[in-house]
């Protein structure tokens, strides 16, 4: 059975895992759509898109299909940043000092 200190550590680990799992789901998806709409300026509304493929190919507007590729790459980069953040937090947490039982304290020489 786990001691209260171990249960506290397990609770913190579980909380970090849940937070980073939610970030891993939300950040890349949000980055994709924000990059697509704001950075690469491709409208997601059908009424604002070119009405036909021929119109889209021969128009002067910068409406390239590569915009989704760049937005997807931004989402992949965001996912890797979240993953690197999780690894950093896991390593920065470090080893917690072991608890010494009350009756067996260390003797200093």
Protein backbone atom coordinates (compact mmCIF):
# COMPACT_ATOMS: atom_id res chain seq x y z
CA UNK A 1 0.00 0.00 0.00
CA UNK A 2 1.27 3.46 -0.87
CA UNK A 3 2.24 5.95 1.80
CA UNK A 4 0.58 9.38 1.83
CA UNK A 5 3.73 10.93 0.31
CA UNK A 6 3.69 8.39 -2.53
CA UNK A 7 -0.01 9.03 -3.13
CA UNK A 8 0.72 12.76 -3.39
CA UNK A 9 3.46 12.07 -5.94
CA UNK A 10 1.18 9.75 -7.90
CA UNK A 11 -1.53 12.43 -7.91
CA UNK A 12 0.91 15.04 -9.30
CA UNK A 13 2.13 12.64 -11.98
CA UNK A 14 -1.43 11.81 -13.02
CA UNK A 15 -2.36 15.51 -13.11
CA UNK A 16 0.63 16.32 -15.34
CA UNK A 17 -0.22 13.42 -17.63
CA UNK A 18 -3.83 14.57 -18.00
CA UNK A 19 -2.83 18.20 -18.60
CA UNK A 20 -0.29 17.28 -21.25
CA UNK A 21 -2.69 14.80 -22.88
CA UNK A 22 -5.26 17.58 -23.23
CA UNK A 23 -2.59 19.93 -24.55
CA UNK A 24 -1.47 17.26 -27.00
CA UNK A 25 -5.02 17.09 -28.36
CA UNK A 26 -5.93 20.79 -28.34
CA UNK A 27 -2.74 22.62 -29.29
CA UNK A 28 -2.03 20.94 -32.66
CA UNK A 29 -5.67 21.13 -33.78
CA UNK A 30 -5.94 24.75 -32.68
CA UNK A 31 -2.62 25.58 -34.33
CA UNK A 32 -3.76 24.03 -37.60
CA UNK A 33 -6.97 26.05 -37.82
CA UNK A 34 -5.45 29.29 -36.53
CA UNK A 35 -2.55 28.98 -38.97
CA UNK A 36 -4.91 28.15 -41.80
CA UNK A 37 -7.22 31.09 -41.14
CA UNK A 38 -4.86 33.76 -39.80
CA UNK A 39 -1.37 33.09 -41.09
CA UNK A 40 -2.03 31.48 -44.45
CA UNK A 41 -5.37 33.30 -44.89
CA UNK A 42 -7.39 30.53 -46.43
CA UNK A 43 -11.07 30.86 -45.74
CA UNK A 44 -12.90 27.81 -44.49
CA UNK A 45 -16.30 29.17 -45.51
CA UNK A 46 -17.52 27.80 -48.87
CA UNK A 47 -19.12 31.13 -49.77
CA UNK A 48 -15.72 32.82 -49.64
CA UNK A 49 -13.89 30.22 -51.72
CA UNK A 50 -13.49 30.28 -55.47
CA UNK A 51 -16.71 28.92 -57.00
CA UNK A 52 -15.05 26.48 -59.42
CA UNK A 53 -11.75 24.74 -59.83
CA UNK A 54 -11.07 26.59 -63.10
CA UNK A 55 -11.69 29.93 -61.40
CA UNK A 56 -9.35 28.96 -58.59
CA UNK A 57 -6.62 27.84 -61.00
CA UNK A 58 -6.73 30.88 -63.26
CA UNK A 59 -7.49 33.64 -60.77
CA UNK A 60 -4.86 36.09 -59.59
CA UNK A 61 -5.70 35.50 -55.93
CA UNK A 62 -3.18 33.60 -53.85
CA UNK A 63 -5.36 30.61 -53.09
CA UNK A 64 -2.84 27.79 -53.29
CA UNK A 65 -3.59 24.31 -51.96
CA UNK A 66 -0.17 24.31 -50.30
CA UNK A 67 -1.54 26.47 -47.52
CA UNK A 68 -3.02 23.42 -45.82
CA UNK A 69 0.36 21.72 -45.99
CA UNK A 70 2.05 24.60 -44.18
CA UNK A 71 -0.72 24.70 -41.59
CA UNK A 72 -0.28 20.95 -41.03
CA UNK A 73 3.46 21.43 -40.60
CA UNK A 74 2.76 24.14 -38.03
CA UNK A 75 0.49 21.69 -36.17
CA UNK A 76 3.20 19.01 -36.21
CA UNK A 77 5.68 21.54 -34.84
CA UNK A 78 3.23 22.50 -32.10
CA UNK A 79 2.75 18.82 -31.15
CA UNK A 80 6.51 18.38 -30.90
CA UNK A 81 6.79 21.47 -28.69
CA UNK A 82 4.13 20.08 -26.33
CA UNK A 83 5.94 16.73 -26.25
CA UNK A 84 9.29 18.42 -25.54
CA UNK A 85 7.60 20.40 -22.75
CA UNK A 86 6.34 17.18 -21.18
CA UNK A 87 9.79 15.61 -21.33
CA UNK A 88 11.35 18.75 -19.84
CA UNK A 89 8.84 18.83 -16.97
CA UNK A 90 9.40 15.12 -16.32
CA UNK A 91 13.17 15.55 -16.12
CA UNK A 92 13.00 18.83 -14.18
CA UNK A 93 10.86 17.16 -11.54
CA UNK A 94 13.89 15.06 -10.65
CA UNK A 95 14.24 12.56 -7.93
CA UNK A 96 12.58 13.42 -4.67
CA UNK A 97 14.69 12.71 -1.58
CA UNK A 98 13.84 9.48 0.16
CA UNK A 99 12.02 9.79 3.42
CA UNK A 100 13.94 8.56 6.45
CA UNK A 101 11.84 6.73 9.03
CA UNK A 102 11.48 8.66 12.31
CA UNK A 103 13.43 6.13 14.40
CA UNK A 104 16.32 5.70 11.96
CA UNK A 105 17.82 9.13 11.38
CA UNK A 106 21.24 9.42 9.76
CA UNK A 107 24.18 10.02 12.04
CA UNK A 108 26.56 12.73 10.93
CA UNK A 109 30.23 12.15 11.64
